Amino acid sequence: MEKLVNMDFDTTQVKVEITEGMSEEDILKKAQETFAQRILEGKSGRCKYNIAEADGMSLQESKVGQVVSVKDEKGYGVIIEVKPNRKFPLSVALPKGVVQVKPFIVKKETTTNVDKVIESLGRKEFEKEIGWFDGHAGFLFNGKDVVPVIFGKGTKAYYYVHPVSLDAEGRVYKLKQPQLTQVFDDKQEAEKRIG
């Protein structure tokens, strides 16, 4: 049985003996060894931790556009934002709305049908008149292909639209208002643009 343990240590300073001519890399390595020894001796200071199932994600592997499932939530979702400095660093679009969570309760999905996830996160009929917002999903015609996408945080000038996949790379399309005509709620409508 495996568990995933997330540990956050308070900012730590360590004194290290150095010799003349040591590189910064050597000094850092010596500091890391000293810190590791302090952890083993129980002298590392305060440590906040969480213990979760081993199939949870780490913050480093969390990518915008990744299809995921969230513990105790129904349906699949998509990561729309990763902010490491927040208490809840991931924003995940789910059928019920956008939630902020910690990565260890999120599981990367590898076999789910992406188109079905996009449909579950699509706009409701009444929302289609209002526009596109964070967490809405659709299909983007990018000039040659139809790409499943999710809307993330944007700016006044741009909408950030992220390709959705089972192995996301964290890419983004920056669209201006007129380019939103290339985003469709229905995949078949988007595919009519090909050719």
N, C-alpha and C. Protein backbone atom coordinates (compact mmCIF):
# COMPACT_ATOMS: atom_id res chain seq x y z
N MET A 1 0.84 -1.18 0.00
CA MET A 1 0.00 0.00 0.00
C MET A 1 0.89 1.24 0.00
N GLU A 2 0.49 2.25 -0.77
CA GLU A 2 1.25 3.48 -0.84
C GLU A 2 0.38 4.65 -0.42
N LYS A 3 1.00 5.64 0.19
CA LYS A 3 0.35 6.90 0.54
C LYS A 3 1.21 8.03 0.01
N LEU A 4 0.59 9.15 -0.28
CA LEU A 4 1.28 10.34 -0.73
C LEU A 4 1.33 11.31 0.44
N VAL A 5 2.52 11.69 0.86
CA VAL A 5 2.68 12.61 1.98
C VAL A 5 3.20 13.94 1.44
N ASN A 6 2.42 14.99 1.61
CA ASN A 6 2.83 16.34 1.22
C ASN A 6 3.32 17.06 2.45
N MET A 7 4.55 17.59 2.38
CA MET A 7 5.12 18.28 3.53
C MET A 7 5.53 19.69 3.13
N ASP A 8 5.15 20.66 3.97
CA ASP A 8 5.55 22.05 3.79
C ASP A 8 6.31 22.47 5.04
N PHE A 9 7.59 22.80 4.86
CA PHE A 9 8.41 23.24 5.98
C PHE A 9 8.43 24.76 6.02
N ASP A 10 8.50 25.30 7.23
CA ASP A 10 8.69 26.74 7.36
C ASP A 10 10.02 27.11 6.71
N THR A 11 10.16 28.37 6.34
CA THR A 11 11.43 28.83 5.78
C THR A 11 12.54 28.49 6.76
N THR A 12 13.59 27.90 6.22
CA THR A 12 14.66 27.39 7.07
C THR A 12 16.00 27.95 6.62
N GLN A 13 16.83 28.31 7.62
CA GLN A 13 18.19 28.72 7.35
C GLN A 13 19.12 27.69 7.98
N VAL A 14 20.18 27.37 7.28
CA VAL A 14 21.18 26.46 7.83
C VAL A 14 22.56 27.09 7.64
N LYS A 15 23.42 26.89 8.65
CA LYS A 15 24.81 27.34 8.54
C LYS A 15 25.63 26.18 8.03
N VAL A 16 26.48 26.50 7.07
CA VAL A 16 27.36 25.45 6.52
C VAL A 16 28.80 25.96 6.51
N GLU A 17 29.71 25.08 6.76
CA GLU A 17 31.14 25.38 6.67
C GLU A 17 31.53 25.28 5.20
N ILE A 18 32.17 26.31 4.71
CA ILE A 18 32.59 26.28 3.30
C ILE A 18 34.10 26.46 3.22
N THR A 19 34.62 26.03 2.10
CA THR A 19 36.04 26.23 1.84
C THR A 19 36.17 27.18 0.66
N GLU A 20 37.28 27.82 0.59
CA GLU A 20 37.51 28.77 -0.49
C GLU A 20 37.41 28.07 -1.84
N GLY A 21 36.72 28.72 -2.77
CA GLY A 21 36.60 28.17 -4.11
C GLY A 21 35.38 27.28 -4.33
N MET A 22 34.56 27.08 -3.29
CA MET A 22 33.34 26.26 -3.46
C MET A 22 32.36 26.99 -4.37
N SER A 23 31.75 26.26 -5.27
CA SER A 23 30.75 26.86 -6.16
C SER A 23 29.42 26.99 -5.42
N GLU A 24 28.51 27.79 -5.98
CA GLU A 24 27.17 27.93 -5.37
C GLU A 24 26.46 26.58 -5.32
N GLU A 25 26.65 25.76 -6.36
CA GLU A 25 26.03 24.44 -6.38
C GLU A 25 26.54 23.57 -5.24
N ASP A 26 27.85 23.64 -4.96
CA ASP A 26 28.43 22.87 -3.87
C ASP A 26 27.90 23.34 -2.52
N ILE A 27 27.79 24.67 -2.37
CA ILE A 27 27.26 25.23 -1.12
C ILE A 27 25.81 24.80 -0.92
N LEU A 28 25.00 24.88 -2.01
CA LEU A 28 23.60 24.47 -1.91
C LEU A 28 23.49 22.99 -1.56
N LYS A 29 24.31 22.15 -2.18
CA LYS A 29 24.28 20.72 -1.89
C LYS A 29 24.60 20.46 -0.42
N LYS A 30 25.60 21.16 0.10
CA LYS A 30 25.97 20.99 1.50
C LYS A 30 24.84 21.46 2.42
N ALA A 31 24.16 22.56 2.05
CA ALA A 31 23.02 23.05 2.83
C ALA A 31 21.87 22.05 2.81
N GLN A 32 21.61 21.44 1.65
CA GLN A 32 20.56 20.43 1.55
C GLN A 32 20.88 19.22 2.43
N GLU A 33 22.13 18.79 2.42
CA GLU A 33 22.54 17.65 3.26
C GLU A 33 22.35 17.99 4.74
N THR A 34 22.71 19.22 5.12
CA THR A 34 22.55 19.64 6.51
C THR A 34 21.07 19.66 6.89
N PHE A 35 20.24 20.18 6.00
CA PHE A 35 18.79 20.24 6.27
C PHE A 35 18.22 18.83 6.37
N ALA A 36 18.61 17.94 5.47
CA ALA A 36 18.14 16.55 5.52
C ALA A 36 18.53 15.89 6.85
N GLN A 37 19.73 16.17 7.33
CA GLN A 37 20.17 15.63 8.62
C GLN A 37 19.32 16.18 9.76
N ARG A 38 18.98 17.47 9.69
CA ARG A 38 18.12 18.08 10.71
C ARG A 38 16.74 17.42 10.71
N ILE A 39 16.22 17.09 9.53
CA ILE A 39 14.91 16.41 9.45
C ILE A 39 15.00 15.05 10.14
N LEU A 40 16.06 14.30 9.84
CA LEU A 40 16.24 12.97 10.44
C LEU A 40 16.36 13.05 11.96
N GLU A 41 16.94 14.13 12.45
CA GLU A 41 17.11 14.30 13.90
C GLU A 41 15.89 14.95 14.55
N GLY A 42 14.88 15.31 13.74
CA GLY A 42 13.69 15.94 14.28
C GLY A 42 13.89 17.40 14.65
N LYS A 43 14.84 18.06 14.02
CA LYS A 43 15.16 19.46 14.33
C LYS A 43 14.88 20.38 13.15
N SER A 44 13.89 20.05 12.36
CA SER A 44 13.64 20.82 11.13
C SER A 44 12.66 21.97 11.32
N GLY A 45 12.14 22.16 12.51
CA GLY A 45 11.15 23.22 12.71
C GLY A 45 9.76 22.70 12.38
N ARG A 46 8.81 23.63 12.27
CA ARG A 46 7.43 23.23 12.00
C ARG A 46 7.28 22.66 10.59
N CYS A 47 6.45 21.66 10.52
CA CYS A 47 6.16 21.01 9.23
C CYS A 47 4.66 20.79 9.14
N LYS A 48 4.05 21.34 8.10
CA LYS A 48 2.63 21.08 7.84
C LYS A 48 2.60 19.91 6.87
N TYR A 49 1.67 18.99 7.07
CA TYR A 49 1.64 17.83 6.20
C TYR A 49 0.22 17.36 5.94
N ASN A 50 0.06 16.64 4.86
CA ASN A 50 -1.19 15.97 4.51
C ASN A 50 -0.84 14.58 4.03
N ILE A 51 -1.67 13.62 4.40
CA ILE A 51 -1.46 12.24 3.94
C ILE A 51 -2.67 11.88 3.08
N ALA A 52 -2.39 11.44 1.87
CA ALA A 52 -3.46 11.13 0.93
C ALA A 52 -3.14 9.83 0.20
N GLU A 53 -4.10 9.39 -0.60
CA GLU A 53 -3.88 8.20 -1.41
C GLU A 53 -2.74 8.47 -2.40
N ALA A 54 -2.00 7.45 -2.72
CA ALA A 54 -0.82 7.60 -3.57
C ALA A 54 -1.16 8.00 -5.00
N ASP A 55 -2.42 7.83 -5.43
CA ASP A 55 -2.74 8.19 -6.80
C ASP A 55 -3.10 9.67 -6.96
N GLY A 56 -3.00 10.45 -5.88
CA GLY A 56 -3.22 11.89 -5.97
C GLY A 56 -2.09 12.55 -6.76
N MET A 57 -2.36 13.75 -7.27
CA MET A 57 -1.35 14.45 -8.07
C MET A 57 -0.47 15.32 -7.19
N SER A 58 0.72 15.61 -7.68
CA SER A 58 1.57 16.59 -7.02
C SER A 58 1.33 17.93 -7.71
N LEU A 59 1.73 18.99 -7.06
CA LEU A 59 1.58 20.32 -7.66
C LEU A 59 2.42 20.42 -8.94
N GLN A 60 3.58 19.79 -8.95
CA GLN A 60 4.47 19.86 -10.11
C GLN A 60 3.88 19.19 -11.34
N GLU A 61 3.10 18.14 -11.17
CA GLU A 61 2.53 17.46 -12.33
C GLU A 61 1.14 17.99 -12.71
N SER A 62 0.63 18.94 -11.95
CA SER A 62 -0.68 19.53 -12.25
C SER A 62 -0.53 20.53 -13.40
N LYS A 63 -1.24 20.29 -14.48
CA LYS A 63 -1.17 21.15 -15.67
C LYS A 63 -2.55 21.64 -16.05
N VAL A 64 -2.61 22.88 -16.47
CA VAL A 64 -3.87 23.44 -16.95
C VAL A 64 -4.29 22.66 -18.20
N GLY A 65 -5.57 22.27 -18.25
CA GLY A 65 -6.08 21.51 -19.38
C GLY A 65 -6.13 20.01 -19.13
N GLN A 66 -5.61 19.57 -17.98
CA GLN A 66 -5.59 18.14 -17.64
C GLN A 66 -6.96 17.67 -17.18
N VAL A 67 -7.41 16.55 -17.73
CA VAL A 67 -8.66 15.92 -17.28
C VAL A 67 -8.37 15.19 -15.98
N VAL A 68 -9.21 15.46 -14.97
CA VAL A 68 -8.99 14.89 -13.63
C VAL A 68 -10.31 14.47 -13.01
N SER A 69 -10.19 13.74 -11.90
CA SER A 69 -11.34 13.52 -11.03
C SER A 69 -10.93 14.06 -9.66
N VAL A 70 -11.91 14.56 -8.92
CA VAL A 70 -11.66 15.14 -7.60
C VAL A 70 -12.36 14.26 -6.57
N LYS A 71 -11.64 13.90 -5.53
CA LYS A 71 -12.18 13.05 -4.48
C LYS A 71 -13.48 13.63 -3.94
N ASP A 72 -14.49 12.79 -3.78
CA ASP A 72 -15.81 13.14 -3.25
C ASP A 72 -16.63 14.04 -4.17
N GLU A 73 -16.23 14.20 -5.43
CA GLU A 73 -17.01 14.98 -6.39
C GLU A 73 -17.47 14.05 -7.50
N LYS A 74 -18.66 14.31 -8.03
CA LYS A 74 -19.19 13.49 -9.12
C LYS A 74 -18.71 14.04 -10.46
N GLY A 75 -18.46 13.14 -11.38
CA GLY A 75 -18.06 13.53 -12.73
C GLY A 75 -16.59 13.87 -12.81
N TYR A 76 -16.18 14.15 -14.03
CA TYR A 76 -14.79 14.50 -14.29
C TYR A 76 -14.68 16.00 -14.43
N GLY A 77 -13.47 16.50 -14.23
CA GLY A 77 -13.23 17.93 -14.35
C GLY A 77 -11.97 18.20 -15.12
N VAL A 78 -11.65 19.49 -15.24
CA VAL A 78 -10.45 19.92 -15.95
C VAL A 78 -9.79 21.02 -15.12
N ILE A 79 -8.48 20.93 -14.96
CA ILE A 79 -7.73 21.97 -14.24
C ILE A 79 -7.73 23.23 -15.11
N ILE A 80 -8.18 24.36 -14.54
CA ILE A 80 -8.18 25.61 -15.30
C ILE A 80 -7.19 26.64 -14.76
N GLU A 81 -6.60 26.36 -13.60
CA GLU A 81 -5.63 27.30 -13.05
C GLU A 81 -4.76 26.58 -12.02
N VAL A 82 -3.46 26.91 -12.03
CA VAL A 82 -2.51 26.39 -11.04
C VAL A 82 -1.80 27.59 -10.44
N LYS A 83 -2.02 27.82 -9.15
CA LYS A 83 -1.40 28.95 -8.42
C LYS A 83 -0.71 28.38 -7.18
N PRO A 84 0.59 28.06 -7.26
CA PRO A 84 1.28 27.38 -6.17
C PRO A 84 1.24 28.09 -4.81
N ASN A 85 1.11 29.40 -4.79
CA ASN A 85 1.19 30.14 -3.53
C ASN A 85 -0.13 30.25 -2.78
N ARG A 86 -1.20 29.71 -3.34
CA ARG A 86 -2.50 29.77 -2.66
C ARG A 86 -2.67 28.57 -1.73
N LYS A 87 -3.54 28.73 -0.74
CA LYS A 87 -3.85 27.62 0.17
C LYS A 87 -4.44 26.45 -0.61
N PHE A 88 -5.32 26.74 -1.58
CA PHE A 88 -5.89 25.74 -2.47
C PHE A 88 -5.39 26.09 -3.88
N PRO A 89 -4.25 25.51 -4.30
CA PRO A 89 -3.58 25.97 -5.51
C PRO A 89 -4.21 25.60 -6.86
N LEU A 90 -5.13 24.64 -6.88
CA LEU A 90 -5.73 24.24 -8.16
C LEU A 90 -7.16 24.73 -8.26
N SER A 91 -7.52 25.27 -9.42
CA SER A 91 -8.92 25.55 -9.75
C SER A 91 -9.33 24.48 -10.76
N VAL A 92 -10.40 23.76 -10.44
CA VAL A 92 -10.87 22.67 -11.29
C VAL A 92 -12.31 22.95 -11.69
N ALA A 93 -12.57 22.93 -13.01
CA ALA A 93 -13.94 23.07 -13.51
C ALA A 93 -14.59 21.70 -13.44
N LEU A 94 -15.72 21.64 -12.75
CA LEU A 94 -16.52 20.42 -12.62
C LEU A 94 -17.92 20.72 -13.16
N PRO A 95 -18.73 19.70 -13.42
CA PRO A 95 -20.09 19.96 -13.90
C PRO A 95 -20.89 20.89 -12.98
N LYS A 96 -20.62 20.87 -11.69
CA LYS A 96 -21.36 21.73 -10.75
C LYS A 96 -20.79 23.14 -10.66
N GLY A 97 -19.60 23.38 -11.22
CA GLY A 97 -18.96 24.69 -11.15
C GLY A 97 -17.47 24.56 -10.88
N VAL A 98 -16.81 25.68 -10.66
CA VAL A 98 -15.37 25.70 -10.42
C VAL A 98 -15.11 25.59 -8.93
N VAL A 99 -14.18 24.69 -8.55
CA VAL A 99 -13.80 24.52 -7.15
C VAL A 99 -12.29 24.72 -7.02
N GLN A 100 -11.87 25.21 -5.84
CA GLN A 100 -10.46 25.33 -5.53
C GLN A 100 -10.10 24.18 -4.59
N VAL A 101 -9.03 23.46 -4.93
CA VAL A 101 -8.65 22.28 -4.16
C VAL A 101 -7.14 22.17 -4.04
N LYS A 102 -6.71 21.27 -3.17
CA LYS A 102 -5.30 20.92 -3.05
C LYS A 102 -5.02 19.76 -4.01
N PRO A 103 -3.82 19.70 -4.57
CA PRO A 103 -3.54 18.68 -5.59
C PRO A 103 -3.68 17.24 -5.13
N PHE A 104 -3.42 16.94 -3.87
CA PHE A 104 -3.41 15.54 -3.45
C PHE A 104 -4.79 14.89 -3.47
N ILE A 105 -5.88 15.67 -3.61
CA ILE A 105 -7.21 15.04 -3.73
C ILE A 105 -7.65 14.95 -5.18
N VAL A 106 -6.75 15.31 -6.09
CA VAL A 106 -7.04 15.28 -7.52
C VAL A 106 -6.30 14.10 -8.15
N LYS A 107 -7.00 13.36 -8.99
CA LYS A 107 -6.41 12.21 -9.66
C LYS A 107 -6.41 12.45 -11.16
N LYS A 108 -5.26 12.25 -11.79
CA LYS A 108 -5.14 12.38 -13.24
C LYS A 108 -5.89 11.25 -13.90
N GLU A 109 -6.73 11.58 -14.87
CA GLU A 109 -7.48 10.56 -15.60
C GLU A 109 -6.71 10.20 -16.87
N THR A 110 -6.72 8.92 -17.21
CA THR A 110 -5.94 8.47 -18.37
C THR A 110 -6.78 7.75 -19.42
N THR A 111 -8.03 7.42 -19.11
CA THR A 111 -8.82 6.65 -20.07
C THR A 111 -10.18 7.27 -20.37
N THR A 112 -10.47 8.42 -19.82
CA THR A 112 -11.77 9.05 -19.98
C THR A 112 -11.92 9.64 -21.38
N ASN A 113 -13.15 9.67 -21.90
CA ASN A 113 -13.43 10.27 -23.19
C ASN A 113 -13.45 11.79 -23.04
N VAL A 114 -12.48 12.47 -23.63
CA VAL A 114 -12.34 13.93 -23.48
C VAL A 114 -13.58 14.66 -24.00
N ASP A 115 -14.13 14.23 -25.14
CA ASP A 115 -15.30 14.91 -25.70
C ASP A 115 -16.48 14.87 -24.73
N LYS A 116 -16.65 13.76 -24.04
CA LYS A 116 -17.76 13.66 -23.06
C LYS A 116 -17.51 14.61 -21.88
N VAL A 117 -16.26 14.76 -21.48
CA VAL A 117 -15.93 15.70 -20.40
C VAL A 117 -16.26 17.12 -20.84
N ILE A 118 -15.89 17.46 -22.07
CA ILE A 118 -16.17 18.80 -22.61
C ILE A 118 -17.68 19.05 -22.64
N GLU A 119 -18.44 18.06 -23.08
CA GLU A 119 -19.90 18.20 -23.12
C GLU A 119 -20.47 18.43 -21.71
N SER A 120 -19.91 17.73 -20.70
CA SER A 120 -20.43 17.88 -19.33
C SER A 120 -20.09 19.25 -18.75
N LEU A 121 -19.05 19.89 -19.29
CA LEU A 121 -18.64 21.21 -18.80
C LEU A 121 -19.09 22.34 -19.73
N GLY A 122 -19.88 21.99 -20.74
CA GLY A 122 -20.35 22.99 -21.69
C GLY A 122 -21.33 23.97 -21.07
N ARG A 123 -21.61 25.02 -21.84
CA ARG A 123 -22.53 26.04 -21.35
C ARG A 123 -23.97 25.53 -21.34
N LYS A 124 -24.72 25.98 -20.34
CA LYS A 124 -26.15 25.70 -20.30
C LYS A 124 -26.81 26.57 -21.36
N GLU A 125 -28.03 26.23 -21.75
CA GLU A 125 -28.72 26.95 -22.82
C GLU A 125 -28.81 28.45 -22.53
N PHE A 126 -29.17 28.81 -21.28
CA PHE A 126 -29.32 30.23 -20.95
C PHE A 126 -27.97 30.97 -20.93
N GLU A 127 -26.87 30.25 -20.73
CA GLU A 127 -25.54 30.87 -20.69
C GLU A 127 -25.03 31.22 -22.08
N LYS A 128 -25.56 30.59 -23.10
CA LYS A 128 -25.08 30.82 -24.45
C LYS A 128 -25.31 32.26 -24.91
N GLU A 129 -26.33 32.91 -24.37
CA GLU A 129 -26.61 34.30 -24.72
C GLU A 129 -25.68 35.25 -23.97
N ILE A 130 -25.14 34.81 -22.84
CA ILE A 130 -24.31 35.67 -21.99
C ILE A 130 -22.87 35.71 -22.48
N GLY A 131 -22.32 34.56 -22.87
CA GLY A 131 -20.93 34.51 -23.32
C GLY A 131 -20.17 33.36 -22.69
N TRP A 132 -18.84 33.45 -22.76
CA TRP A 132 -17.96 32.40 -22.25
C TRP A 132 -17.30 32.88 -20.96
N PHE A 133 -17.24 32.01 -19.96
CA PHE A 133 -16.65 32.35 -18.67
C PHE A 133 -15.72 31.24 -18.20
N ASP A 134 -14.96 31.51 -17.13
CA ASP A 134 -14.05 30.52 -16.54
C ASP A 134 -14.80 29.21 -16.31
N GLY A 135 -14.19 28.12 -16.74
CA GLY A 135 -14.78 26.81 -16.50
C GLY A 135 -15.70 26.33 -17.60
N HIS A 136 -16.06 27.20 -18.55
CA HIS A 136 -16.87 26.75 -19.69
C HIS A 136 -15.97 25.99 -20.67
N ALA A 137 -16.50 24.96 -21.27
CA ALA A 137 -15.74 24.16 -22.21
C ALA A 137 -16.44 24.15 -23.57
N GLY A 138 -15.66 23.97 -24.61
CA GLY A 138 -16.19 23.92 -25.96
C GLY A 138 -15.16 23.34 -26.91
N PHE A 139 -15.35 23.63 -28.19
CA PHE A 139 -14.47 23.10 -29.23
C PHE A 139 -13.99 24.27 -30.08
N LEU A 140 -12.67 24.42 -30.17
CA LEU A 140 -12.05 25.53 -30.90
C LEU A 140 -11.59 25.04 -32.27
N PHE A 141 -12.00 25.78 -33.31
CA PHE A 141 -11.44 25.55 -34.64
C PHE A 141 -10.23 26.46 -34.74
N ASN A 142 -9.03 25.89 -34.75
CA ASN A 142 -7.80 26.69 -34.72
C ASN A 142 -7.24 27.01 -36.09
N GLY A 143 -8.04 26.83 -37.13
CA GLY A 143 -7.59 27.11 -38.49
C GLY A 143 -7.36 25.85 -39.30
N LYS A 144 -7.09 24.73 -38.61
CA LYS A 144 -6.90 23.47 -39.32
C LYS A 144 -7.53 22.29 -38.60
N ASP A 145 -7.62 22.34 -37.28
CA ASP A 145 -8.17 21.23 -36.50
C ASP A 145 -9.22 21.73 -35.52
N VAL A 146 -9.98 20.78 -34.97
CA VAL A 146 -10.92 21.09 -33.89
C VAL A 146 -10.29 20.58 -32.60
N VAL A 147 -10.17 21.48 -31.63
CA VAL A 147 -9.48 21.17 -30.39
C VAL A 147 -10.46 21.34 -29.22
N PRO A 148 -10.59 20.32 -28.34
CA PRO A 148 -11.40 20.52 -27.14
C PRO A 148 -10.68 21.51 -26.22
N VAL A 149 -11.42 22.51 -25.70
CA VAL A 149 -10.79 23.56 -24.89
C VAL A 149 -11.63 23.89 -23.66
N ILE A 150 -10.97 24.53 -22.71
CA ILE A 150 -11.63 25.03 -21.51
C ILE A 150 -11.19 26.48 -21.30
N PHE A 151 -12.14 27.32 -20.87
CA PHE A 151 -11.82 28.72 -20.60
C PHE A 151 -11.24 28.85 -19.21
N GLY A 152 -10.12 29.56 -19.11
CA GLY A 152 -9.50 29.85 -17.82
C GLY A 152 -9.61 31.34 -17.54
N LYS A 153 -8.84 31.81 -16.59
CA LYS A 153 -8.82 33.23 -16.26
C LYS A 153 -8.30 34.01 -17.45
N GLY A 154 -8.89 35.14 -17.71
CA GLY A 154 -8.45 35.98 -18.81
C GLY A 154 -8.11 37.38 -18.34
N THR A 155 -7.94 38.28 -19.29
CA THR A 155 -7.69 39.68 -18.99
C THR A 155 -8.77 40.49 -19.69
N LYS A 156 -8.67 41.81 -19.61
CA LYS A 156 -9.63 42.65 -20.33
C LYS A 156 -9.48 42.49 -21.83
N ALA A 157 -8.28 42.22 -22.29
CA ALA A 157 -8.01 42.13 -23.73
C ALA A 157 -8.14 40.71 -24.29
N TYR A 158 -7.87 39.69 -23.47
CA TYR A 158 -7.81 38.32 -23.98
C TYR A 158 -8.63 37.35 -23.13
N TYR A 159 -9.12 36.32 -23.82
CA TYR A 159 -9.69 35.14 -23.17
C TYR A 159 -8.61 34.07 -23.25
N TYR A 160 -8.28 33.44 -22.13
CA TYR A 160 -7.30 32.35 -22.14
C TYR A 160 -8.06 31.04 -22.28
N VAL A 161 -7.78 30.34 -23.36
CA VAL A 161 -8.47 29.10 -23.70
C VAL A 161 -7.41 28.00 -23.76
N HIS A 162 -7.60 26.95 -22.96
CA HIS A 162 -6.60 25.90 -22.82
C HIS A 162 -7.04 24.61 -23.50
N PRO A 163 -6.18 24.01 -24.33
CA PRO A 163 -6.49 22.70 -24.90
C PRO A 163 -6.66 21.67 -23.78
N VAL A 164 -7.65 20.81 -23.93
CA VAL A 164 -7.94 19.79 -22.92
C VAL A 164 -7.50 18.43 -23.45
N SER A 165 -6.80 17.68 -22.59
CA SER A 165 -6.38 16.34 -23.00
C SER A 165 -6.12 15.49 -21.75
N LEU A 166 -5.85 14.22 -21.99
CA LEU A 166 -5.51 13.31 -20.90
C LEU A 166 -4.05 13.46 -20.50
N ASP A 167 -3.26 14.12 -21.34
CA ASP A 167 -1.85 14.34 -21.05
C ASP A 167 -1.52 15.79 -21.37
N ALA A 168 -2.12 16.71 -20.63
CA ALA A 168 -2.02 18.14 -20.92
C ALA A 168 -0.60 18.65 -20.81
N GLU A 169 -0.31 19.67 -21.61
CA GLU A 169 1.00 20.31 -21.61
C GLU A 169 0.95 21.70 -21.00
N GLY A 170 -0.25 22.17 -20.61
CA GLY A 170 -0.37 23.50 -20.03
C GLY A 170 -0.34 24.62 -21.05
N ARG A 171 -0.65 24.32 -22.31
CA ARG A 171 -0.64 25.33 -23.37
C ARG A 171 -1.85 26.24 -23.26
N VAL A 172 -1.80 27.35 -24.02
CA VAL A 172 -2.91 28.31 -23.99
C VAL A 172 -3.06 28.99 -25.35
N TYR A 173 -4.31 29.24 -25.72
CA TYR A 173 -4.63 30.10 -26.85
C TYR A 173 -5.11 31.41 -26.25
N LYS A 174 -4.57 32.54 -26.70
CA LYS A 174 -5.03 33.84 -26.25
C LYS A 174 -5.96 34.38 -27.34
N LEU A 175 -7.25 34.44 -27.04
CA LEU A 175 -8.23 34.87 -28.03
C LEU A 175 -8.78 36.25 -27.68
N LYS A 176 -8.97 37.06 -28.71
CA LYS A 176 -9.66 38.34 -28.53
C LYS A 176 -11.14 38.10 -28.78
N GLN A 177 -11.97 39.05 -28.39
CA GLN A 177 -13.43 38.92 -28.51
C GLN A 177 -13.88 38.44 -29.89
N PRO A 178 -13.40 39.04 -31.01
CA PRO A 178 -13.88 38.57 -32.32
C PRO A 178 -13.52 37.11 -32.64
N GLN A 179 -12.46 36.61 -32.03
CA GLN A 179 -12.03 35.23 -32.30
C GLN A 179 -12.91 34.19 -31.59
N LEU A 180 -13.77 34.64 -30.70
CA LEU A 180 -14.64 33.70 -29.99
C LEU A 180 -15.64 33.03 -30.93
N THR A 181 -15.80 33.58 -32.13
CA THR A 181 -16.68 32.94 -33.11
C THR A 181 -16.10 31.61 -33.59
N GLN A 182 -14.84 31.34 -33.24
CA GLN A 182 -14.19 30.08 -33.60
C GLN A 182 -14.36 29.01 -32.52
N VAL A 183 -15.04 29.36 -31.42
CA VAL A 183 -15.29 28.40 -30.34
C VAL A 183 -16.76 27.99 -30.40
N PHE A 184 -17.00 26.69 -30.36
CA PHE A 184 -18.35 26.14 -30.52
C PHE A 184 -18.72 25.27 -29.33
N ASP A 185 -20.01 25.26 -29.02
CA ASP A 185 -20.52 24.38 -27.96
C ASP A 185 -20.60 22.94 -28.44
N ASP A 186 -20.77 22.76 -29.72
CA ASP A 186 -21.00 21.44 -30.30
C ASP A 186 -19.84 21.07 -31.23
N LYS A 187 -19.30 19.88 -31.08
CA LYS A 187 -18.16 19.46 -31.89
C LYS A 187 -18.50 19.38 -33.38
N GLN A 188 -19.72 18.93 -33.69
CA GLN A 188 -20.12 18.82 -35.09
C GLN A 188 -20.15 20.19 -35.77
N GLU A 189 -20.58 21.22 -35.04
CA GLU A 189 -20.58 22.58 -35.59
C GLU A 189 -19.16 23.03 -35.90
N ALA A 190 -18.24 22.74 -34.99
CA ALA A 190 -16.84 23.12 -35.18
C ALA A 190 -16.23 22.38 -36.37
N GLU A 191 -16.58 21.11 -36.52
CA GLU A 191 -16.02 20.30 -37.61
C GLU A 191 -16.49 20.77 -38.98
N LYS A 192 -17.61 21.48 -39.05
CA LYS A 192 -18.09 22.02 -40.33
C LYS A 192 -17.12 23.05 -40.90
N ARG A 193 -16.25 23.63 -40.04
CA ARG A 193 -15.28 24.65 -40.48
C ARG A 193 -14.08 24.03 -41.19
N ILE A 194 -13.85 22.73 -40.95
CA ILE A 194 -12.70 22.07 -41.57
C ILE A 194 -12.96 21.90 -43.06
N GLY A 195 -11.92 22.20 -43.83
CA GLY A 195 -12.04 21.95 -45.27
C GLY A 195 -12.34 23.16 -45.98
